[in-house]
Amino acid sequence: MTSIRRLLSRLLRKEDVRSISRRYFISNGFDGTLTSIGVIVGAVLSGIPDGSTVIQIGLGAAVGLGTSAVWSVWEIERAETQTEIRRIERAMLTDLQDTRVQREQQGARFIHATMSGLGPLIGVIVPLVPFLFEGSVLSMAEAGVVGVALGIGILAVFGAYMASISGQRWYVSAVRMGLAGLVVAAINLVLPG
């Protein structure tokens, strides 16, 4: 267990591992947040009578998106790392089975898949929190508005973070990312039904 922790710690210090994990986290977090905003607006407009039903629907979306994010990245990274290991083996004329190179590739795959799955879970679950207070503190419409605002806030944080690592103006990226949440909410508002 200690050797696994050391391996993961060493990998997390590598910029290429952090960079790929960041991309998966933000990309899938973006998807999860937009999905949550769509679920919230659709649920409120369709007349779902209570917040617990919205939460159940949202959790179903979180499970689906989280599973998809972890599974797809695990398989994508598996194929990519096996290709890379074969390329190195051909160049070195040696088998890399049970070597540090192979263990690092597997550890990086674990980190990427984990971060990929965390993004949509956060993106879906945080905007659903106001529905825990529906009926006692908030009406369904108010919970919907607060949930959408939280979703837009998450998107803005994603944008500000990406701007901070790329040297861009954080507020411009925050607005650009948050705008996607407004677009999804607006489209759901005008959909028939």
C-alpha atoms as a PDB file:
ATOM      1  CA  MET A   1       0.000   0.000   0.000  1.00  0.00           C
ATOM      2  CA  THR A   2       2.844   2.380   0.813  1.00  0.00           C
ATOM      3  CA  SER A   3       4.457   1.708  -2.557  1.00  0.00           C
ATOM      4  CA  ILE A   4       1.158   2.496  -4.319  1.00  0.00           C
ATOM      5  CA  ARG A   5       0.862   5.765  -2.408  1.00  0.00           C
ATOM      6  CA  ARG A   6       4.442   6.651  -3.294  1.00  0.00           C
ATOM      7  CA  LEU A   7       3.797   5.842  -6.942  1.00  0.00           C
ATOM      8  CA  LEU A   8       0.639   7.973  -7.065  1.00  0.00           C
ATOM      9  CA  SER A   9       2.394  10.804  -5.235  1.00  0.00           C
ATOM     10  CA  ARG A  10       5.291  10.688  -7.712  1.00  0.00           C
ATOM     11  CA  LEU A  11       2.872  10.639 -10.653  1.00  0.00           C
ATOM     12  CA  LEU A  12       0.904  13.608  -9.320  1.00  0.00           C
ATOM     13  CA  ARG A  13       4.124  15.643  -9.391  1.00  0.00           C
ATOM     14  CA  LYS A  14       4.433  15.010 -13.143  1.00  0.00           C
ATOM     15  CA  GLU A  15       2.984  17.824 -15.218  1.00  0.00           C
ATOM     16  CA  ASP A  16       1.880  15.536 -18.064  1.00  0.00           C
ATOM     17  CA  VAL A  17      -0.189  13.402 -15.655  1.00  0.00           C
ATOM     18  CA  ARG A  18      -1.730  16.458 -13.996  1.00  0.00           C
ATOM     19  CA  SER A  19      -2.426  18.048 -17.373  1.00  0.00           C
ATOM     20  CA  ILE A  20      -4.300  15.059 -18.788  1.00  0.00           C
ATOM     21  CA  SER A  21      -6.245  14.532 -15.552  1.00  0.00           C
ATOM     22  CA  ARG A  22      -7.169  18.209 -15.476  1.00  0.00           C
ATOM     23  CA  ARG A  23      -8.540  17.984 -19.004  1.00  0.00           C
ATOM     24  CA  TYR A  24     -10.678  14.965 -18.183  1.00  0.00           C
ATOM     25  CA  PHE A  25     -11.915  16.530 -14.923  1.00  0.00           C
ATOM     26  CA  ILE A  26     -12.897  19.852 -16.505  1.00  0.00           C
ATOM     27  CA  SER A  27     -14.340  18.360 -19.695  1.00  0.00           C
ATOM     28  CA  ASN A  28     -16.494  15.815 -17.900  1.00  0.00           C
ATOM     29  CA  GLY A  29     -17.327  18.285 -15.129  1.00  0.00           C
ATOM     30  CA  PHE A  30     -18.553  20.662 -17.835  1.00  0.00           C
ATOM     31  CA  ASP A  31     -20.747  17.885 -19.279  1.00  0.00           C
ATOM     32  CA  GLY A  32     -22.097  16.977 -15.852  1.00  0.00           C
ATOM     33  CA  THR A  33     -22.899  20.561 -14.938  1.00  0.00           C
ATOM     34  CA  LEU A  34     -24.716  21.254 -18.189  1.00  0.00           C
ATOM     35  CA  THR A  35     -26.629  17.989 -17.794  1.00  0.00           C
ATOM     36  CA  SER A  36     -27.622  18.988 -14.264  1.00  0.00           C
ATOM     37  CA  ILE A  37     -28.839  22.393 -15.443  1.00  0.00           C
ATOM     38  CA  GLY A  38     -30.907  20.685 -18.152  1.00  0.00           C
ATOM     39  CA  VAL A  39     -32.360  18.207 -15.651  1.00  0.00           C
ATOM     40  CA  ILE A  40     -33.227  20.995 -13.196  1.00  0.00           C
ATOM     41  CA  VAL A  41     -34.939  23.257 -15.719  1.00  0.00           C
ATOM     42  CA  GLY A  42     -36.748  20.336 -17.339  1.00  0.00           C
ATOM     43  CA  ALA A  43     -37.905  18.982 -13.972  1.00  0.00           C
ATOM     44  CA  VAL A  44     -39.203  22.314 -12.723  1.00  0.00           C
ATOM     45  CA  LEU A  45     -40.956  23.144 -15.998  1.00  0.00           C
ATOM     46  CA  SER A  46     -42.517  19.694 -16.288  1.00  0.00           C
ATOM     47  CA  GLY A  47     -44.218  20.122 -12.937  1.00  0.00           C
ATOM     48  CA  ILE A  48     -42.340  17.558 -10.857  1.00  0.00           C
ATOM     49  CA  PRO A  49     -43.941  18.160  -7.462  1.00  0.00           C
ATOM     50  CA  ASP A  50     -41.021  17.697  -5.071  1.00  0.00           C
ATOM     51  CA  GLY A  51     -37.289  18.203  -4.741  1.00  0.00           C
ATOM     52  CA  SER A  52     -36.563  14.597  -3.818  1.00  0.00           C
ATOM     53  CA  THR A  53     -37.732  13.443  -7.259  1.00  0.00           C
ATOM     54  CA  VAL A  54     -35.428  15.972  -8.939  1.00  0.00           C
ATOM     55  CA  ILE A  55     -32.559  14.697  -6.787  1.00  0.00           C
ATOM     56  CA  GLN A  56     -33.328  11.089  -7.750  1.00  0.00           C
ATOM     57  CA  ILE A  57     -33.363  11.988 -11.447  1.00  0.00           C
ATOM     58  CA  GLY A  58     -30.160  13.977 -11.053  1.00  0.00           C
ATOM     59  CA  LEU A  59     -28.432  11.156  -9.175  1.00  0.00           C
ATOM     60  CA  GLY A  60     -29.382   8.808 -11.998  1.00  0.00           C
ATOM     61  CA  ALA A  61     -27.704  11.222 -14.408  1.00  0.00           C
ATOM     62  CA  ALA A  62     -24.654  11.435 -12.095  1.00  0.00           C
ATOM     63  CA  VAL A  63     -24.324   7.651 -12.009  1.00  0.00           C
ATOM     64  CA  GLY A  64     -24.598   7.430 -15.787  1.00  0.00           C
ATOM     65  CA  LEU A  65     -22.169  10.248 -16.524  1.00  0.00           C
ATOM     66  CA  GLY A  66     -19.734   9.214 -13.777  1.00  0.00           C
ATOM     67  CA  THR A  67     -19.665   5.614 -14.951  1.00  0.00           C
ATOM     68  CA  SER A  68     -19.233   6.710 -18.551  1.00  0.00           C
ATOM     69  CA  ALA A  69     -16.408   9.071 -17.608  1.00  0.00           C
ATOM     70  CA  VAL A  70     -14.478   6.491 -15.580  1.00  0.00           C
ATOM     71  CA  TRP A  71     -15.053   3.572 -17.922  1.00  0.00           C
ATOM     72  CA  SER A  72     -14.304   5.392 -21.161  1.00  0.00           C
ATOM     73  CA  VAL A  73     -11.139   7.025 -19.841  1.00  0.00           C
ATOM     74  CA  TRP A  74      -9.969   3.736 -18.331  1.00  0.00           C
ATOM     75  CA  GLU A  75     -10.338   2.029 -21.705  1.00  0.00           C
ATOM     76  CA  ILE A  76      -8.960   4.955 -23.720  1.00  0.00           C
ATOM     77  CA  GLU A  77      -5.911   5.277 -21.500  1.00  0.00           C
ATOM     78  CA  ARG A  78      -5.451   1.501 -21.456  1.00  0.00           C
ATOM     79  CA  ALA A  79      -5.233   1.426 -25.244  1.00  0.00           C
ATOM     80  CA  GLU A  80      -2.999   4.498 -25.386  1.00  0.00           C
ATOM     81  CA  THR A  81      -0.610   3.279 -22.694  1.00  0.00           C
ATOM     82  CA  GLN A  82      -0.347  -0.191 -24.197  1.00  0.00           C
ATOM     83  CA  THR A  83       0.498   1.414 -27.534  1.00  0.00           C
ATOM     84  CA  GLU A  84       3.136   3.574 -25.850  1.00  0.00           C
ATOM     85  CA  ILE A  85       4.635   0.611 -23.975  1.00  0.00           C
ATOM     86  CA  ARG A  86       4.833  -1.428 -27.192  1.00  0.00           C
ATOM     87  CA  ARG A  87       6.553   1.493 -28.922  1.00  0.00           C
ATOM     88  CA  ILE A  88       9.118   1.762 -26.109  1.00  0.00           C
ATOM     89  CA  GLU A  89       9.619  -2.017 -26.068  1.00  0.00           C
ATOM     90  CA  ARG A  90      10.352  -2.010 -29.801  1.00  0.00           C
ATOM     91  CA  ALA A  91      12.798   0.867 -29.428  1.00  0.00           C
ATOM     92  CA  MET A  92      14.566  -0.712 -26.439  1.00  0.00           C
ATOM     93  CA  LEU A  93      14.281  -4.324 -27.672  1.00  0.00           C
ATOM     94  CA  THR A  94      13.075  -5.413 -24.242  1.00  0.00           C
ATOM     95  CA  ASP A  95       9.908  -6.483 -22.418  1.00  0.00           C
ATOM     96  CA  LEU A  96       8.578  -3.842 -20.010  1.00  0.00           C
ATOM     97  CA  GLN A  97       6.189  -6.182 -18.163  1.00  0.00           C
ATOM     98  CA  ASP A  98       6.367  -5.593 -14.373  1.00  0.00           C
ATOM     99  CA  THR A  99       8.679  -2.600 -14.706  1.00  0.00           C
ATOM    100  CA  ARG A 100       8.505   0.923 -13.329  1.00  0.00           C
ATOM    101  CA  VAL A 101       7.404   2.166 -16.771  1.00  0.00           C
ATOM    102  CA  GLN A 102       4.419  -0.168 -16.807  1.00  0.00           C
ATOM    103  CA  ARG A 103       3.496   0.601 -13.173  1.00  0.00           C
ATOM    104  CA  GLU A 104       3.645   4.341 -13.854  1.00  0.00           C
ATOM    105  CA  GLN A 105       1.450   3.949 -16.925  1.00  0.00           C
ATOM    106  CA  GLN A 106      -1.112   1.979 -14.866  1.00  0.00           C
ATOM    107  CA  GLY A 107      -0.968   4.516 -12.026  1.00  0.00           C
ATOM    108  CA  ALA A 108      -1.485   7.398 -14.421  1.00  0.00           C
ATOM    109  CA  ARG A 109      -4.463   5.575 -15.943  1.00  0.00           C
ATOM    110  CA  PHE A 110      -5.987   5.209 -12.453  1.00  0.00           C
ATOM    111  CA  ILE A 111      -5.499   8.929 -11.742  1.00  0.00           C
ATOM    112  CA  HIS A 112      -6.977   9.956 -15.095  1.00  0.00           C
ATOM    113  CA  ALA A 113     -10.037   7.714 -14.692  1.00  0.00           C
ATOM    114  CA  THR A 114     -10.623   8.921 -11.126  1.00  0.00           C
ATOM    115  CA  MET A 115     -10.439  12.593 -12.074  1.00  0.00           C
ATOM    116  CA  SER A 116     -12.597  11.951 -15.111  1.00  0.00           C
ATOM    117  CA  GLY A 117     -15.307  10.481 -12.879  1.00  0.00           C
ATOM    118  CA  LEU A 118     -15.101  13.179 -10.189  1.00  0.00           C
ATOM    119  CA  GLY A 119     -15.801  15.997 -12.644  1.00  0.00           C
ATOM    120  CA  PRO A 120     -19.334  14.987 -13.611  1.00  0.00           C
ATOM    121  CA  LEU A 121     -20.208  13.915 -10.069  1.00  0.00           C
ATOM    122  CA  ILE A 122     -19.406  17.384  -8.772  1.00  0.00           C
ATOM    123  CA  GLY A 123     -21.035  19.015 -11.792  1.00  0.00           C
ATOM    124  CA  VAL A 124     -24.294  17.116 -11.320  1.00  0.00           C
ATOM    125  CA  ILE A 125     -24.571  16.895  -7.539  1.00  0.00           C
ATOM    126  CA  VAL A 126     -23.735  20.459  -6.436  1.00  0.00           C
ATOM    127  CA  PRO A 127     -26.560  22.089  -8.463  1.00  0.00           C
ATOM    128  CA  LEU A 128     -29.002  19.575  -6.946  1.00  0.00           C
ATOM    129  CA  VAL A 129     -28.262  20.664  -3.349  1.00  0.00           C
ATOM    130  CA  PRO A 130     -31.020  23.351  -3.235  1.00  0.00           C
ATOM    131  CA  PHE A 131     -33.602  20.624  -3.824  1.00  0.00           C
ATOM    132  CA  LEU A 132     -32.720  19.197  -0.397  1.00  0.00           C
ATOM    133  CA  PHE A 133     -34.352  22.355   1.003  1.00  0.00           C
ATOM    134  CA  GLU A 134     -37.385  22.358  -1.282  1.00  0.00           C
ATOM    135  CA  GLY A 135     -40.561  22.542   0.763  1.00  0.00           C
ATOM    136  CA  SER A 136     -38.904  23.750   3.972  1.00  0.00           C
ATOM    137  CA  VAL A 137     -36.889  26.772   2.811  1.00  0.00           C
ATOM    138  CA  LEU A 138     -37.320  26.982  -0.960  1.00  0.00           C
ATOM    139  CA  SER A 139     -40.142  26.459  -3.419  1.00  0.00           C
ATOM    140  CA  MET A 140     -39.508  24.223  -6.453  1.00  0.00           C
ATOM    141  CA  ALA A 141     -39.011  27.292  -8.668  1.00  0.00           C
ATOM    142  CA  GLU A 142     -36.616  28.884  -6.170  1.00  0.00           C
ATOM    143  CA  ALA A 143     -34.636  25.651  -5.824  1.00  0.00           C
ATOM    144  CA  GLY A 144     -34.472  25.528  -9.620  1.00  0.00           C
ATOM    145  CA  VAL A 145     -33.152  29.074  -9.887  1.00  0.00           C
ATOM    146  CA  VAL A 146     -30.570  28.489  -7.132  1.00  0.00           C
ATOM    147  CA  GLY A 147     -29.556  25.159  -8.696  1.00  0.00           C
ATOM    148  CA  VAL A 148     -29.037  26.751 -12.111  1.00  0.00           C
ATOM    149  CA  ALA A 149     -27.082  29.598 -10.478  1.00  0.00           C
ATOM    150  CA  LEU A 150     -24.865  27.052  -8.699  1.00  0.00           C
ATOM    151  CA  GLY A 151     -24.316  25.260 -12.001  1.00  0.00           C
ATOM    152  CA  ILE A 152     -23.348  28.498 -13.719  1.00  0.00           C
ATOM    153  CA  GLY A 153     -21.045  29.222 -10.774  1.00  0.00           C
ATOM    154  CA  ILE A 154     -19.328  25.839 -11.160  1.00  0.00           C
ATOM    155  CA  LEU A 155     -18.827  26.481 -14.873  1.00  0.00           C
ATOM    156  CA  ALA A 156     -17.385  29.908 -14.082  1.00  0.00           C
ATOM    157  CA  VAL A 157     -14.976  28.371 -11.570  1.00  0.00           C
ATOM    158  CA  PHE A 158     -13.873  25.837 -14.190  1.00  0.00           C
ATOM    159  CA  GLY A 159     -13.262  28.712 -16.611  1.00  0.00           C
ATOM    160  CA  ALA A 160     -11.379  30.817 -14.062  1.00  0.00           C
ATOM    161  CA  TYR A 161      -9.214  27.847 -13.113  1.00  0.00           C
ATOM    162  CA  MET A 162      -8.343  27.048 -16.725  1.00  0.00           C
ATOM    163  CA  ALA A 163      -7.509  30.716 -17.307  1.00  0.00           C
ATOM    164  CA  SER A 164      -5.245  30.763 -14.257  1.00  0.00           C
ATOM    165  CA  ILE A 165      -3.121  27.902 -15.583  1.00  0.00           C
ATOM    166  CA  SER A 166      -2.981  29.297 -19.115  1.00  0.00           C
ATOM    167  CA  GLY A 167      -2.245  32.925 -18.264  1.00  0.00           C
ATOM    168  CA  GLN A 168      -5.561  34.279 -19.560  1.00  0.00           C
ATOM    169  CA  ARG A 169      -7.854  36.727 -17.822  1.00  0.00           C
ATOM    170  CA  TRP A 170      -9.816  34.650 -15.316  1.00  0.00           C
ATOM    171  CA  TYR A 171     -13.004  36.707 -15.517  1.00  0.00           C
ATOM    172  CA  VAL A 172     -13.221  36.400 -19.313  1.00  0.00           C
ATOM    173  CA  SER A 173     -12.923  32.603 -19.157  1.00  0.00           C
ATOM    174  CA  ALA A 174     -15.328  32.480 -16.225  1.00  0.00           C
ATOM    175  CA  VAL A 175     -17.956  34.398 -18.199  1.00  0.00           C
ATOM    176  CA  ARG A 176     -17.391  32.288 -21.338  1.00  0.00           C
ATOM    177  CA  MET A 177     -17.836  29.024 -19.427  1.00  0.00           C
ATOM    178  CA  GLY A 178     -20.758  30.308 -17.347  1.00  0.00           C
ATOM    179  CA  LEU A 179     -22.490  31.457 -20.508  1.00  0.00           C
ATOM    180  CA  ALA A 180     -22.853  27.811 -21.573  1.00  0.00           C
ATOM    181  CA  GLY A 181     -25.030  27.219 -18.499  1.00  0.00           C
ATOM    182  CA  LEU A 182     -27.253  30.153 -19.405  1.00  0.00           C
ATOM    183  CA  VAL A 183     -27.573  28.858 -22.967  1.00  0.00           C
ATOM    184  CA  VAL A 184     -28.634  25.381 -21.761  1.00  0.00           C
ATOM    185  CA  ALA A 185     -31.144  26.904 -19.324  1.00  0.00           C
ATOM    186  CA  ALA A 186     -32.548  29.203 -22.027  1.00  0.00           C
ATOM    187  CA  ILE A 187     -32.888  26.407 -24.590  1.00  0.00           C
ATOM    188  CA  ASN A 188     -34.708  24.271 -22.018  1.00  0.00           C
ATOM    189  CA  LEU A 189     -37.038  27.181 -21.248  1.00  0.00           C
ATOM    190  CA  VAL A 190     -38.147  27.507 -24.870  1.00  0.00           C
ATOM    191  CA  LEU A 191     -38.421  23.793 -25.681  1.00  0.00           C
ATOM    192  CA  PRO A 192     -41.976  22.721 -26.356  1.00  0.00           C
ATOM    193  CA  GLY A 193     -43.791  20.781 -23.669  1.00  0.00           C
END
